[in-house]
Amino acid sequence: MAQAQINPALGFLSGRHLTPAASVALRVVVLLVKWQERRRTRRGLTRLDAHLLKDVGLTGADVQTELARWAWQDR
């Protein structure tokens, strides 16, 4: 899976000191966005035909395995 890109709108937060509560909240939001991106890309695999799957080195069984994973499961 490709790594999710960090939203440029959040870039301004990287150089700022955040309160502990704000830091935790930001980490939770980033984690939820990452999980959402994984879910979206895994579901996107279902729209690829066998030829395209072969091009990226996957089989239908690989797609089913990816779809069975939970959002927080990385490879």
N, C-alpha and C. Protein backbone atom coordinates (compact mmCIF):
# COMPACT_ATOMS: atom_id res chain seq x y z
N MET A 1 0.83 -1.18 0.00
CA MET A 1 0.00 0.00 0.00
C MET A 1 0.88 1.26 0.00
N ALA A 2 0.43 2.23 -0.70
CA ALA A 2 1.14 3.51 -0.70
C ALA A 2 0.86 4.25 0.60
N GLN A 3 1.82 4.99 1.05
CA GLN A 3 1.64 5.77 2.26
C GLN A 3 0.69 6.93 1.99
N ALA A 4 -0.18 7.21 2.93
CA ALA A 4 -1.07 8.35 2.80
C ALA A 4 -0.27 9.63 2.92
N GLN A 5 -0.60 10.61 2.13
CA GLN A 5 0.08 11.89 2.17
C GLN A 5 -0.50 12.74 3.30
N ILE A 6 0.36 13.48 3.95
CA ILE A 6 -0.08 14.38 5.02
C ILE A 6 -0.75 15.59 4.38
N ASN A 7 -1.88 15.96 4.91
CA ASN A 7 -2.62 17.09 4.41
C ASN A 7 -1.79 18.36 4.58
N PRO A 8 -1.52 19.09 3.48
CA PRO A 8 -0.71 20.31 3.58
C PRO A 8 -1.33 21.35 4.51
N ALA A 9 -2.63 21.31 4.68
CA ALA A 9 -3.28 22.27 5.56
C ALA A 9 -2.87 22.07 7.01
N LEU A 10 -2.38 20.87 7.34
CA LEU A 10 -1.94 20.61 8.71
C LEU A 10 -0.46 20.91 8.90
N GLY A 11 0.24 21.26 7.83
CA GLY A 11 1.66 21.53 7.90
C GLY A 11 2.04 22.64 8.87
N PHE A 12 1.18 23.63 9.02
CA PHE A 12 1.50 24.73 9.92
C PHE A 12 1.57 24.27 11.37
N LEU A 13 0.98 23.13 11.69
CA LEU A 13 1.01 22.64 13.07
C LEU A 13 2.35 22.02 13.44
N SER A 14 3.12 21.62 12.44
CA SER A 14 4.36 20.91 12.74
C SER A 14 5.37 21.76 13.48
N GLY A 15 5.38 23.05 13.28
CA GLY A 15 6.36 23.91 13.93
C GLY A 15 5.83 24.61 15.16
N ARG A 16 4.63 24.27 15.58
CA ARG A 16 4.03 24.96 16.73
C ARG A 16 4.00 24.06 17.96
N HIS A 17 4.08 24.71 19.10
CA HIS A 17 3.96 23.98 20.36
C HIS A 17 2.47 23.83 20.66
N LEU A 18 2.04 22.60 20.85
CA LEU A 18 0.63 22.34 21.16
C LEU A 18 0.50 21.91 22.61
N THR A 19 -0.65 22.19 23.17
CA THR A 19 -0.92 21.68 24.51
C THR A 19 -0.99 20.16 24.43
N PRO A 20 -0.79 19.48 25.54
CA PRO A 20 -0.88 18.01 25.51
C PRO A 20 -2.23 17.50 24.97
N ALA A 21 -3.30 18.14 25.36
CA ALA A 21 -4.62 17.72 24.89
C ALA A 21 -4.76 17.93 23.38
N ALA A 22 -4.28 19.06 22.89
CA ALA A 22 -4.34 19.34 21.46
C ALA A 22 -3.46 18.37 20.68
N SER A 23 -2.32 18.02 21.25
CA SER A 23 -1.42 17.08 20.60
C SER A 23 -2.08 15.71 20.47
N VAL A 24 -2.71 15.25 21.54
CA VAL A 24 -3.40 13.96 21.50
C VAL A 24 -4.55 14.00 20.50
N ALA A 25 -5.31 15.07 20.52
CA ALA A 25 -6.44 15.20 19.58
C ALA A 25 -5.95 15.18 18.14
N LEU A 26 -4.86 15.88 17.88
CA LEU A 26 -4.30 15.91 16.53
C LEU A 26 -3.83 14.52 16.10
N ARG A 27 -3.18 13.81 17.00
CA ARG A 27 -2.71 12.46 16.68
C ARG A 27 -3.88 11.53 16.38
N VAL A 28 -4.97 11.66 17.13
CA VAL A 28 -6.15 10.83 16.89
C VAL A 28 -6.74 11.14 15.52
N VAL A 29 -6.85 12.41 15.19
CA VAL A 29 -7.39 12.80 13.89
C VAL A 29 -6.52 12.26 12.75
N VAL A 30 -5.21 12.41 12.88
CA VAL A 30 -4.29 11.92 11.84
C VAL A 30 -4.42 10.41 11.70
N LEU A 31 -4.54 9.70 12.80
CA LEU A 31 -4.68 8.25 12.75
C LEU A 31 -6.00 7.85 12.08
N LEU A 32 -7.07 8.54 12.40
CA LEU A 32 -8.36 8.24 11.77
C LEU A 32 -8.33 8.51 10.27
N VAL A 33 -7.67 9.57 9.87
CA VAL A 33 -7.55 9.88 8.45
C VAL A 33 -6.72 8.80 7.75
N LYS A 34 -5.67 8.34 8.39
CA LYS A 34 -4.83 7.28 7.82
C LYS A 34 -5.65 6.00 7.64
N TRP A 35 -6.46 5.65 8.65
CA TRP A 35 -7.29 4.45 8.55
C TRP A 35 -8.33 4.60 7.44
N GLN A 36 -8.88 5.80 7.31
CA GLN A 36 -9.87 6.05 6.25
C GLN A 36 -9.22 5.90 4.87
N GLU A 37 -8.00 6.37 4.73
CA GLU A 37 -7.28 6.26 3.46
C GLU A 37 -7.00 4.80 3.13
N ARG A 38 -6.59 4.02 4.14
CA ARG A 38 -6.35 2.59 3.89
C ARG A 38 -7.63 1.91 3.43
N ARG A 39 -8.74 2.21 4.09
CA ARG A 39 -10.01 1.61 3.72
C ARG A 39 -10.39 1.98 2.29
N ARG A 40 -10.22 3.26 1.96
CA ARG A 40 -10.57 3.73 0.62
C ARG A 40 -9.73 3.06 -0.45
N THR A 41 -8.43 2.95 -0.22
CA THR A 41 -7.57 2.35 -1.24
C THR A 41 -7.80 0.85 -1.36
N ARG A 42 -8.07 0.18 -0.24
CA ARG A 42 -8.36 -1.25 -0.31
C ARG A 42 -9.66 -1.50 -1.07
N ARG A 43 -10.65 -0.68 -0.82
CA ARG A 43 -11.91 -0.84 -1.56
C ARG A 43 -11.72 -0.48 -3.04
N GLY A 44 -10.80 0.41 -3.32
CA GLY A 44 -10.51 0.77 -4.70
C GLY A 44 -9.96 -0.39 -5.51
N LEU A 45 -9.32 -1.33 -4.84
CA LEU A 45 -8.80 -2.51 -5.53
C LEU A 45 -9.93 -3.31 -6.18
N THR A 46 -11.12 -3.24 -5.63
CA THR A 46 -12.24 -4.01 -6.19
C THR A 46 -12.66 -3.48 -7.55
N ARG A 47 -12.30 -2.27 -7.87
CA ARG A 47 -12.67 -1.69 -9.17
C ARG A 47 -11.68 -2.02 -10.28
N LEU A 48 -10.59 -2.70 -9.93
CA LEU A 48 -9.59 -3.06 -10.93
C LEU A 48 -9.92 -4.42 -11.53
N ASP A 49 -9.79 -4.52 -12.85
CA ASP A 49 -10.02 -5.82 -13.48
C ASP A 49 -8.77 -6.69 -13.33
N ALA A 50 -8.89 -7.95 -13.75
CA ALA A 50 -7.79 -8.91 -13.57
C ALA A 50 -6.51 -8.45 -14.26
N HIS A 51 -6.63 -7.81 -15.41
CA HIS A 51 -5.45 -7.34 -16.14
C HIS A 51 -4.71 -6.27 -15.34
N LEU A 52 -5.44 -5.32 -14.79
CA LEU A 52 -4.81 -4.26 -14.00
C LEU A 52 -4.23 -4.82 -12.69
N LEU A 53 -4.94 -5.76 -12.09
CA LEU A 53 -4.39 -6.38 -10.88
C LEU A 53 -3.08 -7.08 -11.18
N LYS A 54 -3.03 -7.77 -12.32
CA LYS A 54 -1.80 -8.45 -12.70
C LYS A 54 -0.67 -7.44 -12.90
N ASP A 55 -1.00 -6.29 -13.48
CA ASP A 55 0.01 -5.24 -13.69
C ASP A 55 0.64 -4.77 -12.38
N VAL A 56 -0.13 -4.73 -11.32
CA VAL A 56 0.41 -4.29 -10.03
C VAL A 56 0.85 -5.46 -9.16
N GLY A 57 0.78 -6.67 -9.71
CA GLY A 57 1.29 -7.84 -9.01
C GLY A 57 0.35 -8.43 -7.98
N LEU A 58 -0.95 -8.26 -8.19
CA LEU A 58 -1.93 -8.80 -7.25
C LEU A 58 -2.86 -9.78 -7.96
N THR A 59 -3.46 -10.66 -7.16
CA THR A 59 -4.47 -11.57 -7.68
C THR A 59 -5.80 -11.24 -7.01
N GLY A 60 -6.85 -11.88 -7.47
CA GLY A 60 -8.15 -11.69 -6.82
C GLY A 60 -8.11 -12.12 -5.37
N ALA A 61 -7.35 -13.18 -5.09
CA ALA A 61 -7.21 -13.65 -3.70
C ALA A 61 -6.49 -12.61 -2.84
N ASP A 62 -5.50 -11.93 -3.43
CA ASP A 62 -4.80 -10.86 -2.69
C ASP A 62 -5.76 -9.74 -2.34
N VAL A 63 -6.62 -9.40 -3.27
CA VAL A 63 -7.61 -8.33 -3.03
C VAL A 63 -8.54 -8.74 -1.90
N GLN A 64 -9.01 -9.98 -1.91
CA GLN A 64 -9.90 -10.45 -0.85
C GLN A 64 -9.19 -10.43 0.51
N THR A 65 -7.92 -10.77 0.52
CA THR A 65 -7.14 -10.73 1.76
C THR A 65 -7.04 -9.29 2.27
N GLU A 66 -6.79 -8.36 1.38
CA GLU A 66 -6.71 -6.95 1.77
C GLU A 66 -8.04 -6.44 2.29
N LEU A 67 -9.13 -6.83 1.64
CA LEU A 67 -10.45 -6.37 2.07
C LEU A 67 -10.83 -6.93 3.44
N ALA A 68 -10.29 -8.09 3.78
CA ALA A 68 -10.60 -8.70 5.08
C ALA A 68 -9.84 -8.05 6.23
N ARG A 69 -8.84 -7.24 5.92
CA ARG A 69 -8.05 -6.59 6.97
C ARG A 69 -8.85 -5.44 7.60
N TRP A 70 -8.58 -5.21 8.87
CA TRP A 70 -9.14 -4.06 9.55
C TRP A 70 -8.35 -2.81 9.15
N ALA A 71 -8.94 -1.67 9.31
CA ALA A 71 -8.31 -0.41 8.89
C ALA A 71 -6.98 -0.18 9.59
N TRP A 72 -6.86 -0.62 10.84
CA TRP A 72 -5.62 -0.37 11.59
C TRP A 72 -4.54 -1.40 11.29
N GLN A 73 -4.86 -2.41 10.47
CA GLN A 73 -3.87 -3.41 10.12
C GLN A 73 -3.06 -2.95 8.91
N ASP A 74 -1.81 -2.74 9.15
CA ASP A 74 -0.89 -2.45 8.05
C ASP A 74 -0.32 -3.78 7.62
N ARG A 75 0.45 -3.80 6.60
CA ARG A 75 1.03 -5.06 6.12
C ARG A 75 1.81 -5.75 7.16
